[in-house]
Amino acid sequence: MLVNGFTPCIINIMKKALLVFVCSLSLLACNHHKKIKDIDQLNWLLGNWEAKSDNGVKKLSWHKENDSLYNGEEIVPIKDKGELKVRYTLGVHPNTDAMYYKVERPSNMESKDLATKSLDFTAELKNPHHLLLYYNSQKKESESFELVSDSTLIKKNYGLMNMSDKPMTETMFHKLP
């Protein structure tokens, strides 16, 4: 029997093909949104933060460059030598959707020379408020940022070749208004 010139079998095939097409588009949209959603889950990191230390006040600031990239800068006071600037980049690789973290700091941590050393990390969200950072292919975290309240951020540094479960340094930053 023909319905509008088509057999019921052809109509069912067309309905299924349309359903598969719509589902495919939905999955593609979800995958693209996942990439942006991962970095957006880190909005709590944005803003200006301060921590008091024996050498003065550490300053940390993060801003959103675009939908897949955050930039940060930390200013660390060094006793009798001024301050050290460290730059951070946190982003999403456009081809793989994997998050990455990059650190640029002076090659000699004791001086303020202009030569920088770039360190690449893999970034992973342990939960929505805990960012883990792995240097190279290590399975143990090298650094982490964790939001413990609306206005308190803890930065832990385990060292590049983490040999312990205890951090080498732990800094508690407070968000500035």
C-alpha atoms as a PDB file:
ATOM      1  CA  MET A   1       0.000   0.000   0.000  1.00  0.00           C
ATOM      2  CA  LEU A   2       1.326   3.443  -0.917  1.00  0.00           C
ATOM      3  CA  VAL A   3       1.083   6.425   1.423  1.00  0.00           C
ATOM      4  CA  ASN A   4       1.757   9.683  -0.415  1.00  0.00           C
ATOM      5  CA  GLY A   5       3.747   7.722  -2.995  1.00  0.00           C
ATOM      6  CA  PHE A   6       5.912   5.862  -0.383  1.00  0.00           C
ATOM      7  CA  THR A   7       5.558   2.416   1.108  1.00  0.00           C
ATOM      8  CA  PRO A   8       5.347   2.162   4.934  1.00  0.00           C
ATOM      9  CA  CYS A   9       8.740   0.407   4.932  1.00  0.00           C
ATOM     10  CA  ILE A  10      10.433   3.370   3.213  1.00  0.00           C
ATOM     11  CA  ILE A  11       8.702   5.793   5.607  1.00  0.00           C
ATOM     12  CA  ASN A  12      10.033   3.818   8.619  1.00  0.00           C
ATOM     13  CA  ILE A  13      13.549   3.818   7.156  1.00  0.00           C
ATOM     14  CA  MET A  14      13.363   7.586   6.596  1.00  0.00           C
ATOM     15  CA  LYS A  15      12.161   8.130  10.192  1.00  0.00           C
ATOM     16  CA  LYS A  16      15.040   6.041  11.564  1.00  0.00           C
ATOM     17  CA  ALA A  17      17.575   7.822   9.362  1.00  0.00           C
ATOM     18  CA  LEU A  18      16.264  11.193  10.564  1.00  0.00           C
ATOM     19  CA  LEU A  19      16.433  10.019  14.177  1.00  0.00           C
ATOM     20  CA  VAL A  20      20.057   8.824  13.711  1.00  0.00           C
ATOM     21  CA  PHE A  21      20.960  12.162  12.079  1.00  0.00           C
ATOM     22  CA  VAL A  22      19.418  14.197  14.931  1.00  0.00           C
ATOM     23  CA  CYS A  23      21.140  12.032  17.566  1.00  0.00           C
ATOM     24  CA  SER A  24      24.487  12.407  15.779  1.00  0.00           C
ATOM     25  CA  LEU A  25      24.140  16.185  15.741  1.00  0.00           C
ATOM     26  CA  SER A  26      23.259  16.145  19.434  1.00  0.00           C
ATOM     27  CA  LEU A  27      26.365  14.098  20.266  1.00  0.00           C
ATOM     28  CA  LEU A  28      28.594  16.422  18.264  1.00  0.00           C
ATOM     29  CA  ALA A  29      27.129  19.410  20.067  1.00  0.00           C
ATOM     30  CA  CYS A  30      27.667  17.695  23.427  1.00  0.00           C
ATOM     31  CA  ASN A  31      31.318  16.928  22.651  1.00  0.00           C
ATOM     32  CA  HIS A  32      32.002  20.539  21.680  1.00  0.00           C
ATOM     33  CA  HIS A  33      30.222  21.762  24.800  1.00  0.00           C
ATOM     34  CA  LYS A  34      32.224  19.291  26.926  1.00  0.00           C
ATOM     35  CA  LYS A  35      35.469  20.948  25.840  1.00  0.00           C
ATOM     36  CA  ILE A  36      34.289  24.388  26.858  1.00  0.00           C
ATOM     37  CA  LYS A  37      32.465  23.116  29.949  1.00  0.00           C
ATOM     38  CA  ASP A  38      35.689  21.627  31.361  1.00  0.00           C
ATOM     39  CA  ILE A  39      37.464  24.977  31.370  1.00  0.00           C
ATOM     40  CA  ASP A  40      34.317  26.794  32.513  1.00  0.00           C
ATOM     41  CA  GLN A  41      34.235  24.546  35.566  1.00  0.00           C
ATOM     42  CA  LEU A  42      37.356  26.437  36.649  1.00  0.00           C
ATOM     43  CA  ASN A  43      35.686  29.861  36.839  1.00  0.00           C
ATOM     44  CA  TRP A  44      36.302  29.731  40.594  1.00  0.00           C
ATOM     45  CA  LEU A  45      40.005  30.204  39.828  1.00  0.00           C
ATOM     46  CA  LEU A  46      39.440  33.567  38.120  1.00  0.00           C
ATOM     47  CA  GLY A  47      40.190  36.798  39.951  1.00  0.00           C
ATOM     48  CA  ASN A  48      42.859  38.145  42.271  1.00  0.00           C
ATOM     49  CA  TRP A  49      44.211  36.205  45.238  1.00  0.00           C
ATOM     50  CA  GLU A  50      46.723  37.003  48.002  1.00  0.00           C
ATOM     51  CA  ALA A  51      48.677  34.985  50.553  1.00  0.00           C
ATOM     52  CA  LYS A  52      50.909  36.241  53.328  1.00  0.00           C
ATOM     53  CA  SER A  53      54.364  34.652  53.590  1.00  0.00           C
ATOM     54  CA  ASP A  54      57.516  35.232  55.639  1.00  0.00           C
ATOM     55  CA  ASN A  55      58.949  37.205  52.707  1.00  0.00           C
ATOM     56  CA  GLY A  56      55.888  39.371  52.035  1.00  0.00           C
ATOM     57  CA  VAL A  57      52.606  38.990  50.157  1.00  0.00           C
ATOM     58  CA  LYS A  58      52.246  36.484  47.316  1.00  0.00           C
ATOM     59  CA  LYS A  59      49.844  37.598  44.605  1.00  0.00           C
ATOM     60  CA  LEU A  60      48.040  35.298  42.197  1.00  0.00           C
ATOM     61  CA  SER A  61      45.696  36.453  39.459  1.00  0.00           C
ATOM     62  CA  TRP A  62      43.794  34.543  36.776  1.00  0.00           C
ATOM     63  CA  HIS A  63      41.744  35.886  33.862  1.00  0.00           C
ATOM     64  CA  LYS A  64      39.828  34.267  31.035  1.00  0.00           C
ATOM     65  CA  GLU A  65      41.438  34.882  27.652  1.00  0.00           C
ATOM     66  CA  ASN A  66      38.716  33.085  25.626  1.00  0.00           C
ATOM     67  CA  ASP A  67      36.388  30.055  25.790  1.00  0.00           C
ATOM     68  CA  SER A  68      39.262  27.598  26.049  1.00  0.00           C
ATOM     69  CA  LEU A  69      42.138  29.531  27.647  1.00  0.00           C
ATOM     70  CA  TYR A  70      42.905  31.039  31.075  1.00  0.00           C
ATOM     71  CA  ASN A  71      46.066  33.016  31.857  1.00  0.00           C
ATOM     72  CA  GLY A  72      47.511  33.523  35.294  1.00  0.00           C
ATOM     73  CA  GLU A  73      50.405  35.239  36.972  1.00  0.00           C
ATOM     74  CA  GLU A  74      51.902  34.731  40.396  1.00  0.00           C
ATOM     75  CA  ILE A  75      54.203  37.260  42.024  1.00  0.00           C
ATOM     76  CA  VAL A  76      56.361  35.686  44.714  1.00  0.00           C
ATOM     77  CA  PRO A  77      58.381  37.926  47.049  1.00  0.00           C
ATOM     78  CA  ILE A  78      61.985  36.768  47.550  1.00  0.00           C
ATOM     79  CA  LYS A  79      63.722  37.987  50.672  1.00  0.00           C
ATOM     80  CA  ASP A  80      66.257  40.734  49.884  1.00  0.00           C
ATOM     81  CA  LYS A  81      65.915  40.121  46.114  1.00  0.00           C
ATOM     82  CA  GLY A  82      62.583  41.666  45.155  1.00  0.00           C
ATOM     83  CA  GLU A  83      60.009  39.452  43.492  1.00  0.00           C
ATOM     84  CA  LEU A  84      59.732  36.580  41.069  1.00  0.00           C
ATOM     85  CA  LYS A  85      57.033  36.488  38.362  1.00  0.00           C
ATOM     86  CA  VAL A  86      55.629  33.159  37.227  1.00  0.00           C
ATOM     87  CA  ARG A  87      53.157  32.953  34.322  1.00  0.00           C
ATOM     88  CA  TYR A  88      50.546  30.226  33.911  1.00  0.00           C
ATOM     89  CA  THR A  89      48.444  29.100  30.975  1.00  0.00           C
ATOM     90  CA  LEU A  90      45.528  26.715  31.456  1.00  0.00           C
ATOM     91  CA  GLY A  91      43.672  25.622  28.370  1.00  0.00           C
ATOM     92  CA  VAL A  92      41.985  22.975  26.283  1.00  0.00           C
ATOM     93  CA  HIS A  93      43.747  21.445  23.271  1.00  0.00           C
ATOM     94  CA  PRO A  94      41.503  22.152  20.250  1.00  0.00           C
ATOM     95  CA  ASN A  95      42.068  18.725  18.650  1.00  0.00           C
ATOM     96  CA  THR A  96      41.912  16.433  21.679  1.00  0.00           C
ATOM     97  CA  ASP A  97      39.737  18.325  24.195  1.00  0.00           C
ATOM     98  CA  ALA A  98      42.408  17.488  26.815  1.00  0.00           C
ATOM     99  CA  MET A  99      43.175  20.167  29.379  1.00  0.00           C
ATOM    100  CA  TYR A 100      46.770  21.356  29.699  1.00  0.00           C
ATOM    101  CA  TYR A 101      48.726  23.620  32.032  1.00  0.00           C
ATOM    102  CA  LYS A 102      51.912  25.489  31.212  1.00  0.00           C
ATOM    103  CA  VAL A 103      54.283  27.315  33.562  1.00  0.00           C
ATOM    104  CA  GLU A 104      56.819  29.920  32.513  1.00  0.00           C
ATOM    105  CA  ARG A 105      59.304  31.050  35.110  1.00  0.00           C
ATOM    106  CA  PRO A 106      62.836  32.414  35.184  1.00  0.00           C
ATOM    107  CA  SER A 107      65.357  29.652  34.511  1.00  0.00           C
ATOM    108  CA  ASN A 108      67.150  30.558  37.737  1.00  0.00           C
ATOM    109  CA  MET A 109      64.617  30.802  40.559  1.00  0.00           C
ATOM    110  CA  GLU A 110      67.053  32.838  42.685  1.00  0.00           C
ATOM    111  CA  SER A 111      67.486  35.594  40.115  1.00  0.00           C
ATOM    112  CA  LYS A 112      65.203  37.714  37.999  1.00  0.00           C
ATOM    113  CA  ASP A 113      67.021  37.037  34.720  1.00  0.00           C
ATOM    114  CA  LEU A 114      64.907  37.266  31.597  1.00  0.00           C
ATOM    115  CA  ALA A 115      65.542  33.744  30.315  1.00  0.00           C
ATOM    116  CA  THR A 116      62.454  31.678  31.019  1.00  0.00           C
ATOM    117  CA  LYS A 117      61.957  27.993  31.445  1.00  0.00           C
ATOM    118  CA  SER A 118      58.706  26.543  30.129  1.00  0.00           C
ATOM    119  CA  LEU A 119      57.196  23.505  31.858  1.00  0.00           C
ATOM    120  CA  ASP A 120      54.285  21.535  30.381  1.00  0.00           C
ATOM    121  CA  PHE A 121      51.730  19.689  32.483  1.00  0.00           C
ATOM    122  CA  THR A 122      48.578  17.655  31.976  1.00  0.00           C
ATOM    123  CA  ALA A 123      45.606  19.113  33.835  1.00  0.00           C
ATOM    124  CA  GLU A 124      42.711  17.126  35.239  1.00  0.00           C
ATOM    125  CA  LEU A 125      39.695  17.943  37.369  1.00  0.00           C
ATOM    126  CA  LYS A 126      39.540  15.615  40.376  1.00  0.00           C
ATOM    127  CA  ASN A 127      36.196  17.213  41.218  1.00  0.00           C
ATOM    128  CA  PRO A 128      34.658  20.579  40.225  1.00  0.00           C
ATOM    129  CA  HIS A 129      36.810  22.449  42.791  1.00  0.00           C
ATOM    130  CA  HIS A 130      40.085  20.496  42.679  1.00  0.00           C
ATOM    131  CA  LEU A 131      42.479  20.885  39.742  1.00  0.00           C
ATOM    132  CA  LEU A 132      45.328  18.344  39.545  1.00  0.00           C
ATOM    133  CA  LEU A 133      48.453  19.025  37.481  1.00  0.00           C
ATOM    134  CA  TYR A 134      50.823  16.290  36.314  1.00  0.00           C
ATOM    135  CA  TYR A 135      54.297  17.061  34.979  1.00  0.00           C
ATOM    136  CA  ASN A 136      54.988  15.036  31.805  1.00  0.00           C
ATOM    137  CA  SER A 137      53.595  11.521  32.110  1.00  0.00           C
ATOM    138  CA  GLN A 138      53.752  11.207  35.893  1.00  0.00           C
ATOM    139  CA  LYS A 139      50.820   9.569  37.618  1.00  0.00           C
ATOM    140  CA  LYS A 140      51.280  11.621  40.785  1.00  0.00           C
ATOM    141  CA  GLU A 141      50.335  15.268  40.949  1.00  0.00           C
ATOM    142  CA  SER A 142      53.078  17.897  40.791  1.00  0.00           C
ATOM    143  CA  GLU A 143      50.829  20.828  41.688  1.00  0.00           C
ATOM    144  CA  SER A 144      47.209  21.378  42.543  1.00  0.00           C
ATOM    145  CA  PHE A 145      44.729  24.185  43.103  1.00  0.00           C
ATOM    146  CA  GLU A 146      41.760  23.491  45.348  1.00  0.00           C
ATOM    147  CA  LEU A 147      38.924  25.824  46.279  1.00  0.00           C
ATOM    148  CA  VAL A 148      38.085  25.090  49.908  1.00  0.00           C
ATOM    149  CA  SER A 149      35.558  27.909  50.353  1.00  0.00           C
ATOM    150  CA  ASP A 150      34.166  30.769  48.253  1.00  0.00           C
ATOM    151  CA  SER A 151      37.143  32.919  49.199  1.00  0.00           C
ATOM    152  CA  THR A 152      39.954  30.451  50.018  1.00  0.00           C
ATOM    153  CA  LEU A 153      42.187  28.673  47.522  1.00  0.00           C
ATOM    154  CA  ILE A 154      44.967  26.252  48.430  1.00  0.00           C
ATOM    155  CA  LYS A 155      47.882  25.808  46.040  1.00  0.00           C
ATOM    156  CA  LYS A 156      50.063  22.756  46.682  1.00  0.00           C
ATOM    157  CA  ASN A 157      53.428  22.160  45.084  1.00  0.00           C
ATOM    158  CA  TYR A 158      54.798  18.616  45.236  1.00  0.00           C
ATOM    159  CA  GLY A 159      57.808  19.256  42.994  1.00  0.00           C
ATOM    160  CA  LEU A 160      58.298  18.140  39.403  1.00  0.00           C
ATOM    161  CA  MET A 161      59.427  14.643  40.314  1.00  0.00           C
ATOM    162  CA  ASN A 162      56.915  13.978  43.081  1.00  0.00           C
ATOM    163  CA  MET A 163      58.348  11.340  45.406  1.00  0.00           C
ATOM    164  CA  SER A 164      56.020  11.948  48.330  1.00  0.00           C
ATOM    165  CA  ASP A 165      52.345  12.305  49.135  1.00  0.00           C
ATOM    166  CA  LYS A 166      53.186  15.420  51.187  1.00  0.00           C
ATOM    167  CA  PRO A 167      53.507  18.733  49.365  1.00  0.00           C
ATOM    168  CA  MET A 168      56.812  20.627  49.488  1.00  0.00           C
ATOM    169  CA  THR A 169      54.848  23.863  49.840  1.00  0.00           C
ATOM    170  CA  GLU A 170      51.229  24.630  50.575  1.00  0.00           C
ATOM    171  CA  THR A 171      49.947  28.187  50.161  1.00  0.00           C
ATOM    172  CA  MET A 172      46.537  29.411  51.282  1.00  0.00           C
ATOM    173  CA  PHE A 173      45.345  32.267  49.085  1.00  0.00           C
ATOM    174  CA  HIS A 174      42.395  34.514  49.936  1.00  0.00           C
ATOM    175  CA  LYS A 175      40.276  36.087  47.205  1.00  0.00           C
ATOM    176  CA  LEU A 176      40.365  39.859  46.954  1.00  0.00           C
ATOM    177  CA  PRO A 177      37.064  41.726  46.550  1.00  0.00           C
END
